[in-house]
Amino acid sequence: LQRMLSLAVEVDKSPNCSSCKIADVIFPFILNIPLRSQREAFFNTMESQLLRCKLLELLFQHSCDVPSTMPLSLAKILYFLSHSVLLPYQDETATWKRWDEMLQYLSLLLMSYQNVILGSPLCVPLAEHLRSSVSDRMDLIIQKAKPKLRVSDNISQLDIELKIEDFTSRMQHALGQPFPLQITEKLHVFR
């Protein structure tokens, strides 16, 4: 399934457009996956970084108290950190585990987004410019063109600290107890 989805994204002239269409079709099914382990398996085995970004973006848009209209960027990922409520499909597990899952998916979104924009850290051929078609990607790589960042990708360390503080206070208020070590570690990794 993951290989077929990856090919479906790549065969289109606009992988960005096809990943949006595929994500819109798949998203309702993700909301019905009953177990965290199954959701994690689905997201962790995705071959298409671009499709993973779109699906996770939809998931967080769906879970925001006020959805954002800006395109996916580092600023939008920080927006999700401070505006997402607990993910809507989660079962009746402990509240801290639900926050833990949300942080895990937010980190996964950040990593996938970085791979889409900057390419794989392993320098796999054609790993940059994932929003462009495969044929256009080759030309961009030959020209050594750098992927274009959005204005909203320019965030400061202060922006990160403020959003993490906001998230921490929201979570502290919701939990009413000290954070479990797993959540503290995930926040550190996200930072």
N, C-alpha and C. Protein backbone atom coordinates (compact mmCIF):
# COMPACT_ATOMS: atom_id res chain seq x y z
N LEU A 1 0.83 -1.20 0.00
CA LEU A 1 0.00 0.00 0.00
C LEU A 1 0.87 1.25 0.00
N GLN A 2 1.90 1.27 0.87
CA GLN A 2 2.73 2.47 0.95
C GLN A 2 3.48 2.72 -0.36
N ARG A 3 3.91 1.65 -1.00
CA ARG A 3 4.62 1.80 -2.29
C ARG A 3 3.67 2.34 -3.35
N MET A 4 2.44 1.84 -3.37
CA MET A 4 1.45 2.31 -4.33
C MET A 4 1.12 3.79 -4.10
N LEU A 5 0.99 4.18 -2.85
CA LEU A 5 0.71 5.58 -2.54
C LEU A 5 1.87 6.48 -2.97
N SER A 6 3.08 6.02 -2.74
CA SER A 6 4.26 6.79 -3.13
C SER A 6 4.31 6.97 -4.65
N LEU A 7 4.04 5.90 -5.38
CA LEU A 7 4.03 5.98 -6.85
C LEU A 7 2.91 6.90 -7.33
N ALA A 8 1.76 6.83 -6.69
CA ALA A 8 0.63 7.68 -7.07
C ALA A 8 0.98 9.16 -6.92
N VAL A 9 1.75 9.50 -5.91
CA VAL A 9 2.18 10.89 -5.72
C VAL A 9 3.16 11.28 -6.82
N GLU A 10 4.09 10.40 -7.15
CA GLU A 10 5.18 10.73 -8.08
C GLU A 10 4.77 10.75 -9.55
N VAL A 11 3.74 10.00 -9.96
CA VAL A 11 3.42 9.93 -11.39
C VAL A 11 2.76 11.19 -11.90
N ASP A 12 2.24 12.00 -11.05
CA ASP A 12 1.57 13.23 -11.45
C ASP A 12 2.59 14.30 -11.82
N LYS A 13 2.22 15.21 -12.69
CA LYS A 13 3.09 16.33 -13.06
C LYS A 13 3.33 17.24 -11.84
N SER A 14 2.35 17.26 -10.95
CA SER A 14 2.49 18.06 -9.73
C SER A 14 2.32 17.17 -8.50
N PRO A 15 3.42 16.66 -7.95
CA PRO A 15 3.32 15.81 -6.76
C PRO A 15 2.62 16.51 -5.60
N ASN A 16 2.77 17.81 -5.50
CA ASN A 16 2.12 18.56 -4.44
C ASN A 16 0.60 18.46 -4.56
N CYS A 17 0.10 18.61 -5.77
CA CYS A 17 -1.34 18.54 -6.02
C CYS A 17 -1.86 17.11 -5.80
N SER A 18 -1.15 16.13 -6.33
CA SER A 18 -1.62 14.74 -6.18
C SER A 18 -1.58 14.29 -4.72
N SER A 19 -0.57 14.76 -3.96
CA SER A 19 -0.52 14.37 -2.54
C SER A 19 -1.69 14.99 -1.77
N CYS A 20 -2.10 16.19 -2.16
CA CYS A 20 -3.28 16.81 -1.53
C CYS A 20 -4.54 16.00 -1.81
N LYS A 21 -4.70 15.59 -3.06
CA LYS A 21 -5.89 14.81 -3.43
C LYS A 21 -5.92 13.46 -2.71
N ILE A 22 -4.79 12.78 -2.69
CA ILE A 22 -4.71 11.47 -2.03
C ILE A 22 -4.95 11.63 -0.53
N ALA A 23 -4.35 12.65 0.08
CA ALA A 23 -4.52 12.89 1.51
C ALA A 23 -5.99 13.14 1.85
N ASP A 24 -6.68 13.90 1.01
CA ASP A 24 -8.10 14.16 1.26
C ASP A 24 -8.93 12.88 1.25
N VAL A 25 -8.56 11.93 0.40
CA VAL A 25 -9.30 10.67 0.32
C VAL A 25 -8.96 9.76 1.51
N ILE A 26 -7.70 9.71 1.89
CA ILE A 26 -7.25 8.80 2.95
C ILE A 26 -7.60 9.30 4.35
N PHE A 27 -7.63 10.61 4.54
CA PHE A 27 -7.77 11.18 5.87
C PHE A 27 -8.94 10.64 6.69
N PRO A 28 -10.15 10.53 6.13
CA PRO A 28 -11.25 9.98 6.96
C PRO A 28 -10.97 8.58 7.49
N PHE A 29 -10.21 7.79 6.74
CA PHE A 29 -9.88 6.44 7.19
C PHE A 29 -8.90 6.48 8.36
N ILE A 30 -8.00 7.46 8.35
CA ILE A 30 -7.04 7.59 9.45
C ILE A 30 -7.77 7.90 10.76
N LEU A 31 -8.81 8.70 10.66
CA LEU A 31 -9.58 9.04 11.86
C LEU A 31 -10.25 7.81 12.48
N ASN A 32 -10.41 6.76 11.68
CA ASN A 32 -11.07 5.54 12.17
C ASN A 32 -10.10 4.44 12.57
N ILE A 33 -8.80 4.70 12.53
CA ILE A 33 -7.84 3.69 12.99
C ILE A 33 -7.92 3.66 14.51
N PRO A 34 -8.27 2.51 15.08
CA PRO A 34 -8.59 2.47 16.52
C PRO A 34 -7.40 2.52 17.48
N LEU A 35 -6.26 1.96 17.12
CA LEU A 35 -5.16 1.84 18.06
C LEU A 35 -3.98 2.72 17.68
N ARG A 36 -3.33 3.25 18.70
CA ARG A 36 -2.15 4.09 18.48
C ARG A 36 -1.08 3.31 17.72
N SER A 37 -0.86 2.08 18.07
CA SER A 37 0.18 1.29 17.41
C SER A 37 -0.11 1.16 15.91
N GLN A 38 -1.38 1.06 15.55
CA GLN A 38 -1.74 0.96 14.14
C GLN A 38 -1.53 2.30 13.42
N ARG A 39 -1.89 3.40 14.10
CA ARG A 39 -1.67 4.73 13.51
C ARG A 39 -0.18 4.98 13.31
N GLU A 40 0.61 4.64 14.33
CA GLU A 40 2.05 4.83 14.24
C GLU A 40 2.64 3.99 13.11
N ALA A 41 2.20 2.75 12.99
CA ALA A 41 2.70 1.89 11.91
C ALA A 41 2.38 2.51 10.55
N PHE A 42 1.18 3.03 10.41
CA PHE A 42 0.80 3.65 9.14
C PHE A 42 1.70 4.84 8.80
N PHE A 43 1.85 5.75 9.75
CA PHE A 43 2.66 6.96 9.48
C PHE A 43 4.14 6.63 9.35
N ASN A 44 4.65 5.72 10.16
CA ASN A 44 6.08 5.42 10.14
C ASN A 44 6.52 4.64 8.92
N THR A 45 5.59 3.96 8.25
CA THR A 45 5.96 3.17 7.07
C THR A 45 5.70 3.91 5.76
N MET A 46 5.24 5.15 5.84
CA MET A 46 4.96 5.90 4.61
C MET A 46 6.25 6.16 3.85
N GLU A 47 6.25 5.84 2.58
CA GLU A 47 7.42 6.08 1.74
C GLU A 47 7.47 7.50 1.22
N SER A 48 6.32 8.10 1.01
CA SER A 48 6.27 9.46 0.47
C SER A 48 6.27 10.48 1.61
N GLN A 49 7.38 11.20 1.73
CA GLN A 49 7.48 12.25 2.76
C GLN A 49 6.44 13.34 2.52
N LEU A 50 6.20 13.65 1.26
CA LEU A 50 5.24 14.69 0.91
C LEU A 50 3.82 14.29 1.33
N LEU A 51 3.44 13.06 1.06
CA LEU A 51 2.11 12.58 1.45
C LEU A 51 1.99 12.53 2.98
N ARG A 52 3.05 12.10 3.65
CA ARG A 52 3.03 12.08 5.12
C ARG A 52 2.82 13.49 5.67
N CYS A 53 3.50 14.46 5.08
CA CYS A 53 3.31 15.86 5.49
C CYS A 53 1.86 16.28 5.34
N LYS A 54 1.28 15.99 4.19
CA LYS A 54 -0.10 16.40 3.93
C LYS A 54 -1.07 15.75 4.91
N LEU A 55 -0.88 14.45 5.16
CA LEU A 55 -1.79 13.76 6.08
C LEU A 55 -1.66 14.27 7.51
N LEU A 56 -0.43 14.48 7.95
CA LEU A 56 -0.23 15.01 9.31
C LEU A 56 -0.73 16.44 9.42
N GLU A 57 -0.54 17.21 8.35
CA GLU A 57 -1.07 18.58 8.36
C GLU A 57 -2.60 18.55 8.49
N LEU A 58 -3.25 17.68 7.74
CA LEU A 58 -4.71 17.54 7.85
C LEU A 58 -5.13 17.12 9.25
N LEU A 59 -4.38 16.20 9.82
CA LEU A 59 -4.68 15.73 11.17
C LEU A 59 -4.62 16.87 12.18
N PHE A 60 -3.58 17.69 12.10
CA PHE A 60 -3.45 18.80 13.04
C PHE A 60 -4.43 19.93 12.73
N GLN A 61 -4.70 20.17 11.46
CA GLN A 61 -5.72 21.17 11.12
C GLN A 61 -7.06 20.76 11.73
N HIS A 62 -7.35 19.47 11.65
CA HIS A 62 -8.60 18.92 12.18
C HIS A 62 -8.66 19.05 13.71
N SER A 63 -7.50 19.02 14.35
CA SER A 63 -7.47 19.05 15.81
C SER A 63 -7.26 20.45 16.39
N CYS A 64 -7.13 21.47 15.52
CA CYS A 64 -6.90 22.83 16.01
C CYS A 64 -8.21 23.47 16.48
N ASP A 65 -8.10 24.24 17.56
CA ASP A 65 -9.27 24.98 18.00
C ASP A 65 -9.63 26.06 16.97
N VAL A 66 -8.64 26.66 16.35
CA VAL A 66 -8.85 27.62 15.25
C VAL A 66 -7.91 27.22 14.12
N PRO A 67 -8.41 26.59 13.06
CA PRO A 67 -7.53 26.15 11.96
C PRO A 67 -6.81 27.32 11.30
N SER A 68 -5.59 27.06 10.86
CA SER A 68 -4.76 28.08 10.22
C SER A 68 -4.95 28.04 8.70
N THR A 69 -4.85 29.21 8.08
CA THR A 69 -4.98 29.28 6.62
C THR A 69 -3.63 29.36 5.92
N MET A 70 -2.55 29.49 6.68
CA MET A 70 -1.23 29.60 6.05
C MET A 70 -0.78 28.25 5.49
N PRO A 71 0.06 28.27 4.45
CA PRO A 71 0.57 27.01 3.91
C PRO A 71 1.52 26.35 4.91
N LEU A 72 1.76 25.07 4.72
CA LEU A 72 2.63 24.35 5.63
C LEU A 72 4.02 24.98 5.64
N SER A 73 4.49 25.28 6.83
CA SER A 73 5.80 25.91 7.02
C SER A 73 6.21 25.66 8.46
N LEU A 74 7.40 26.10 8.82
CA LEU A 74 7.85 25.95 10.20
C LEU A 74 6.96 26.76 11.15
N ALA A 75 6.52 27.93 10.69
CA ALA A 75 5.62 28.75 11.52
C ALA A 75 4.29 28.03 11.75
N LYS A 76 3.80 27.32 10.73
CA LYS A 76 2.53 26.61 10.89
C LYS A 76 2.69 25.42 11.84
N ILE A 77 3.82 24.77 11.79
CA ILE A 77 4.08 23.66 12.71
C ILE A 77 4.10 24.18 14.15
N LEU A 78 4.71 25.34 14.36
CA LEU A 78 4.68 25.96 15.69
C LEU A 78 3.25 26.36 16.07
N TYR A 79 2.49 26.79 15.09
CA TYR A 79 1.09 27.14 15.33
C TYR A 79 0.33 25.91 15.84
N PHE A 80 0.60 24.77 15.20
CA PHE A 80 -0.05 23.53 15.64
C PHE A 80 0.31 23.20 17.09
N LEU A 81 1.55 23.46 17.45
CA LEU A 81 1.99 23.18 18.81
C LEU A 81 1.16 23.96 19.83
N SER A 82 0.85 25.20 19.51
CA SER A 82 0.14 26.01 20.49
C SER A 82 -1.37 26.03 20.32
N HIS A 83 -1.91 25.48 19.24
CA HIS A 83 -3.35 25.53 19.02
C HIS A 83 -4.04 24.17 18.90
N SER A 84 -3.28 23.11 18.85
CA SER A 84 -3.91 21.79 18.73
C SER A 84 -4.45 21.36 20.08
N VAL A 85 -5.64 20.83 20.03
CA VAL A 85 -6.19 20.19 21.21
C VAL A 85 -5.88 18.72 21.04
N LEU A 86 -6.24 17.90 21.98
CA LEU A 86 -5.92 16.49 21.83
C LEU A 86 -6.52 15.94 20.55
N LEU A 87 -5.80 15.04 19.92
CA LEU A 87 -6.24 14.51 18.64
C LEU A 87 -7.63 13.88 18.78
N PRO A 88 -8.51 14.14 17.83
CA PRO A 88 -9.93 13.81 17.98
C PRO A 88 -10.27 12.32 17.98
N TYR A 89 -9.43 11.49 17.40
CA TYR A 89 -9.79 10.09 17.25
C TYR A 89 -9.29 9.22 18.38
N GLN A 90 -8.55 9.76 19.31
CA GLN A 90 -7.90 8.93 20.32
C GLN A 90 -8.92 8.28 21.25
N ASP A 91 -8.60 7.08 21.66
CA ASP A 91 -9.49 6.35 22.55
C ASP A 91 -9.34 6.85 23.99
N GLU A 92 -9.88 6.16 24.91
CA GLU A 92 -9.92 6.60 26.31
C GLU A 92 -8.65 6.23 27.07
N THR A 93 -7.50 6.48 26.48
CA THR A 93 -6.23 6.22 27.18
C THR A 93 -5.96 7.39 28.12
N ALA A 94 -4.95 7.23 28.94
CA ALA A 94 -4.58 8.29 29.88
C ALA A 94 -4.28 9.58 29.12
N THR A 95 -4.65 10.70 29.69
CA THR A 95 -4.49 11.99 29.03
C THR A 95 -3.05 12.25 28.63
N TRP A 96 -2.10 11.94 29.51
CA TRP A 96 -0.71 12.22 29.17
C TRP A 96 -0.25 11.41 27.96
N LYS A 97 -0.80 10.21 27.76
CA LYS A 97 -0.44 9.40 26.60
C LYS A 97 -0.99 10.02 25.32
N ARG A 98 -2.12 10.67 25.43
CA ARG A 98 -2.69 11.34 24.27
C ARG A 98 -1.84 12.55 23.88
N TRP A 99 -1.36 13.30 24.89
CA TRP A 99 -0.45 14.41 24.61
C TRP A 99 0.86 13.88 24.02
N ASP A 100 1.32 12.76 24.54
CA ASP A 100 2.54 12.13 24.05
C ASP A 100 2.42 11.77 22.57
N GLU A 101 1.28 11.20 22.20
CA GLU A 101 1.07 10.83 20.80
C GLU A 101 1.04 12.09 19.92
N MET A 102 0.39 13.13 20.40
CA MET A 102 0.34 14.36 19.63
C MET A 102 1.74 14.92 19.39
N LEU A 103 2.56 14.94 20.43
CA LEU A 103 3.94 15.44 20.28
C LEU A 103 4.75 14.57 19.32
N GLN A 104 4.52 13.27 19.37
CA GLN A 104 5.23 12.37 18.47
C GLN A 104 4.89 12.68 17.02
N TYR A 105 3.60 12.89 16.72
CA TYR A 105 3.20 13.19 15.35
C TYR A 105 3.67 14.57 14.91
N LEU A 106 3.72 15.50 15.85
CA LEU A 106 4.21 16.83 15.51
C LEU A 106 5.70 16.78 15.15
N SER A 107 6.47 16.00 15.88
CA SER A 107 7.89 15.81 15.54
C SER A 107 8.04 15.11 14.20
N LEU A 108 7.18 14.14 13.93
CA LEU A 108 7.22 13.44 12.65
C LEU A 108 6.88 14.40 11.51
N LEU A 109 5.91 15.28 11.74
CA LEU A 109 5.57 16.29 10.73
C LEU A 109 6.76 17.20 10.47
N LEU A 110 7.43 17.63 11.51
CA LEU A 110 8.59 18.50 11.37
C LEU A 110 9.70 17.80 10.57
N MET A 111 9.99 16.56 10.89
CA MET A 111 11.04 15.83 10.16
C MET A 111 10.65 15.63 8.70
N SER A 112 9.40 15.27 8.46
CA SER A 112 8.95 15.06 7.08
C SER A 112 9.01 16.35 6.29
N TYR A 113 8.59 17.44 6.93
CA TYR A 113 8.62 18.74 6.26
C TYR A 113 10.06 19.13 5.90
N GLN A 114 10.98 18.91 6.82
CA GLN A 114 12.38 19.22 6.52
C GLN A 114 12.89 18.37 5.36
N ASN A 115 12.47 17.11 5.29
CA ASN A 115 12.87 16.26 4.17
C ASN A 115 12.27 16.74 2.86
N VAL A 116 11.03 17.22 2.89
CA VAL A 116 10.39 17.72 1.68
C VAL A 116 11.10 18.98 1.18
N ILE A 117 11.42 19.87 2.10
CA ILE A 117 12.02 21.15 1.72
C ILE A 117 13.51 21.02 1.41
N LEU A 118 14.26 20.41 2.31
CA LEU A 118 15.71 20.40 2.19
C LEU A 118 16.29 19.12 1.61
N GLY A 119 15.47 18.10 1.46
CA GLY A 119 15.96 16.83 0.97
C GLY A 119 16.40 15.95 2.11
N SER A 120 16.65 14.73 1.80
CA SER A 120 17.05 13.75 2.80
C SER A 120 18.45 14.04 3.30
N PRO A 121 18.68 13.86 4.62
CA PRO A 121 20.04 14.05 5.13
C PRO A 121 21.02 13.02 4.57
N LEU A 122 20.50 11.95 3.99
CA LEU A 122 21.36 10.92 3.42
C LEU A 122 21.77 11.24 1.99
N CYS A 123 21.30 12.39 1.48
CA CYS A 123 21.63 12.84 0.12
C CYS A 123 21.23 11.82 -0.94
N VAL A 124 20.07 11.24 -0.79
CA VAL A 124 19.53 10.31 -1.78
C VAL A 124 19.24 11.10 -3.06
N PRO A 125 19.58 10.57 -4.23
CA PRO A 125 19.29 11.30 -5.47
C PRO A 125 17.80 11.63 -5.56
N LEU A 126 17.50 12.78 -6.07
CA LEU A 126 16.14 13.28 -6.26
C LEU A 126 15.40 13.52 -4.95
N ALA A 127 16.13 13.63 -3.84
CA ALA A 127 15.48 13.81 -2.55
C ALA A 127 15.09 15.26 -2.29
N GLU A 128 15.67 16.19 -3.01
CA GLU A 128 15.27 17.59 -2.84
C GLU A 128 14.14 17.90 -3.80
N HIS A 129 13.49 19.02 -3.58
CA HIS A 129 12.44 19.53 -4.47
C HIS A 129 11.30 18.52 -4.62
N LEU A 130 10.87 17.91 -3.53
CA LEU A 130 9.84 16.88 -3.61
C LEU A 130 8.49 17.41 -4.07
N ARG A 131 8.32 18.72 -4.08
CA ARG A 131 7.07 19.30 -4.57
C ARG A 131 7.05 19.41 -6.08
N SER A 132 8.19 19.18 -6.72
CA SER A 132 8.30 19.26 -8.18
C SER A 132 8.21 17.86 -8.77
N SER A 133 7.84 17.79 -10.05
CA SER A 133 7.78 16.49 -10.71
C SER A 133 9.18 15.89 -10.82
N VAL A 134 9.24 14.58 -11.04
CA VAL A 134 10.54 13.89 -11.11
C VAL A 134 11.39 14.47 -12.23
N SER A 135 10.79 14.74 -13.40
CA SER A 135 11.57 15.29 -14.52
C SER A 135 12.09 16.69 -14.20
N ASP A 136 11.27 17.52 -13.57
CA ASP A 136 11.72 18.86 -13.18
C ASP A 136 12.77 18.79 -12.08
N ARG A 137 12.64 17.81 -11.22
CA ARG A 137 13.60 17.65 -10.12
C ARG A 137 15.01 17.43 -10.64
N MET A 138 15.12 16.61 -11.67
CA MET A 138 16.44 16.35 -12.25
C MET A 138 17.09 17.65 -12.73
N ASP A 139 16.31 18.47 -13.43
CA ASP A 139 16.84 19.75 -13.92
C ASP A 139 17.27 20.65 -12.77
N LEU A 140 16.46 20.70 -11.70
CA LEU A 140 16.78 21.54 -10.55
C LEU A 140 18.05 21.07 -9.85
N ILE A 141 18.24 19.75 -9.79
CA ILE A 141 19.43 19.21 -9.14
C ILE A 141 20.67 19.47 -10.00
N ILE A 142 20.54 19.32 -11.33
CA ILE A 142 21.66 19.60 -12.23
C ILE A 142 22.06 21.06 -12.14
N GLN A 143 21.06 21.95 -12.02
CA GLN A 143 21.33 23.39 -11.88
C GLN A 143 21.80 23.76 -10.48
N LYS A 144 21.77 22.79 -9.58
CA LYS A 144 22.13 23.01 -8.18
C LYS A 144 21.29 24.12 -7.54
N ALA A 145 20.01 24.12 -7.94
CA ALA A 145 19.07 25.11 -7.39
C ALA A 145 18.68 24.68 -5.98
N LYS A 146 18.68 25.63 -5.10
CA LYS A 146 18.27 25.34 -3.72
C LYS A 146 16.76 25.46 -3.62
N PRO A 147 16.13 24.59 -2.83
CA PRO A 147 14.68 24.70 -2.65
C PRO A 147 14.31 26.06 -2.08
N LYS A 148 13.19 26.59 -2.55
CA LYS A 148 12.75 27.91 -2.08
C LYS A 148 12.01 27.77 -0.76
N LEU A 149 12.47 28.52 0.22
CA LEU A 149 11.81 28.55 1.52
C LEU A 149 10.76 29.65 1.51
N ARG A 150 9.74 29.45 2.32
CA ARG A 150 8.70 30.47 2.47
C ARG A 150 9.14 31.46 3.54
N VAL A 151 8.53 32.63 3.51
CA VAL A 151 8.80 33.63 4.53
C VAL A 151 8.48 33.05 5.91
N SER A 152 7.42 32.25 5.98
CA SER A 152 7.02 31.67 7.26
C SER A 152 7.92 30.54 7.73
N ASP A 153 8.96 30.23 6.94
CA ASP A 153 9.95 29.26 7.39
C ASP A 153 11.06 29.94 8.21
N ASN A 154 11.07 31.25 8.21
CA ASN A 154 12.05 32.00 9.00
C ASN A 154 11.49 32.22 10.40
N ILE A 155 11.85 31.35 11.30
CA ILE A 155 11.41 31.49 12.69
C ILE A 155 12.64 31.63 13.56
N SER A 156 12.46 32.29 14.68
CA SER A 156 13.60 32.52 15.57
C SER A 156 13.56 31.54 16.74
N GLN A 157 14.66 31.49 17.44
CA GLN A 157 14.73 30.66 18.65
C GLN A 157 13.72 31.16 19.67
N LEU A 158 13.51 32.47 19.71
CA LEU A 158 12.53 33.04 20.63
C LEU A 158 11.12 32.57 20.30
N ASP A 159 10.78 32.49 18.99
CA ASP A 159 9.46 31.97 18.58
C ASP A 159 9.27 30.55 19.11
N ILE A 160 10.31 29.75 18.97
CA ILE A 160 10.24 28.35 19.41
C ILE A 160 10.03 28.28 20.92
N GLU A 161 10.82 29.05 21.65
CA GLU A 161 10.71 29.03 23.12
C GLU A 161 9.34 29.49 23.60
N LEU A 162 8.81 30.55 22.98
CA LEU A 162 7.49 31.05 23.38
C LEU A 162 6.39 30.03 23.13
N LYS A 163 6.44 29.37 21.98
CA LYS A 163 5.41 28.37 21.66
C LYS A 163 5.53 27.15 22.57
N ILE A 164 6.76 26.76 22.89
CA ILE A 164 6.94 25.61 23.78
C ILE A 164 6.47 25.96 25.19
N GLU A 165 6.75 27.18 25.64
CA GLU A 165 6.25 27.61 26.95
C GLU A 165 4.72 27.62 26.99
N ASP A 166 4.12 28.12 25.91
CA ASP A 166 2.65 28.15 25.82
C ASP A 166 2.09 26.72 25.87
N PHE A 167 2.71 25.83 25.10
CA PHE A 167 2.26 24.43 25.08
C PHE A 167 2.43 23.80 26.46
N THR A 168 3.57 24.05 27.09
CA THR A 168 3.85 23.48 28.41
C THR A 168 2.81 23.94 29.43
N SER A 169 2.47 25.21 29.40
CA SER A 169 1.48 25.69 30.37
C SER A 169 0.09 25.12 30.09
N ARG A 170 -0.28 24.98 28.81
CA ARG A 170 -1.57 24.35 28.48
C ARG A 170 -1.62 22.91 28.95
N MET A 171 -0.53 22.19 28.70
CA MET A 171 -0.49 20.78 29.09
C MET A 171 -0.45 20.64 30.61
N GLN A 172 0.29 21.49 31.28
CA GLN A 172 0.36 21.45 32.74
C GLN A 172 -1.03 21.70 33.34
N HIS A 173 -1.75 22.64 32.76
CA HIS A 173 -3.10 22.95 33.22
C HIS A 173 -4.03 21.74 33.01
N ALA A 174 -3.89 21.08 31.86
CA ALA A 174 -4.75 19.93 31.55
C ALA A 174 -4.41 18.72 32.41
N LEU A 175 -3.11 18.49 32.64
CA LEU A 175 -2.71 17.31 33.40
C LEU A 175 -2.80 17.54 34.91
N GLY A 176 -2.46 18.74 35.34
CA GLY A 176 -2.49 19.05 36.76
C GLY A 176 -1.47 18.29 37.58
N GLN A 177 -0.43 17.81 36.96
CA GLN A 177 0.61 17.06 37.65
C GLN A 177 1.91 17.22 36.88
N PRO A 178 3.05 16.84 37.46
CA PRO A 178 4.32 16.95 36.73
C PRO A 178 4.29 16.08 35.46
N PHE A 179 5.01 16.55 34.46
CA PHE A 179 5.04 15.81 33.19
C PHE A 179 5.75 14.48 33.34
N PRO A 180 5.23 13.45 32.69
CA PRO A 180 6.00 12.20 32.61
C PRO A 180 7.29 12.44 31.82
N LEU A 181 8.30 11.67 32.09
CA LEU A 181 9.60 11.82 31.46
C LEU A 181 9.51 11.73 29.93
N GLN A 182 8.64 10.86 29.41
CA GLN A 182 8.51 10.70 27.96
C GLN A 182 8.12 12.01 27.29
N ILE A 183 7.21 12.76 27.90
CA ILE A 183 6.76 14.02 27.31
C ILE A 183 7.87 15.06 27.38
N THR A 184 8.59 15.11 28.48
CA THR A 184 9.71 16.04 28.61
C THR A 184 10.75 15.76 27.53
N GLU A 185 11.04 14.48 27.28
CA GLU A 185 12.01 14.10 26.26
C GLU A 185 11.53 14.49 24.88
N LYS A 186 10.24 14.25 24.59
CA LYS A 186 9.70 14.60 23.27
C LYS A 186 9.73 16.11 23.03
N LEU A 187 9.45 16.88 24.06
CA LEU A 187 9.53 18.34 23.93
C LEU A 187 10.96 18.78 23.66
N HIS A 188 11.91 18.13 24.31
CA HIS A 188 13.32 18.46 24.09
C HIS A 188 13.72 18.14 22.65
N VAL A 189 13.30 16.99 22.15
CA VAL A 189 13.62 16.59 20.77
C VAL A 189 12.97 17.57 19.79
N PHE A 190 11.72 17.94 20.05
CA PHE A 190 11.02 18.87 19.17
C PHE A 190 11.73 20.23 19.15
N ARG A 191 12.16 20.69 20.30
CA ARG A 191 12.86 21.98 20.40
C ARG A 191 14.12 21.95 19.52
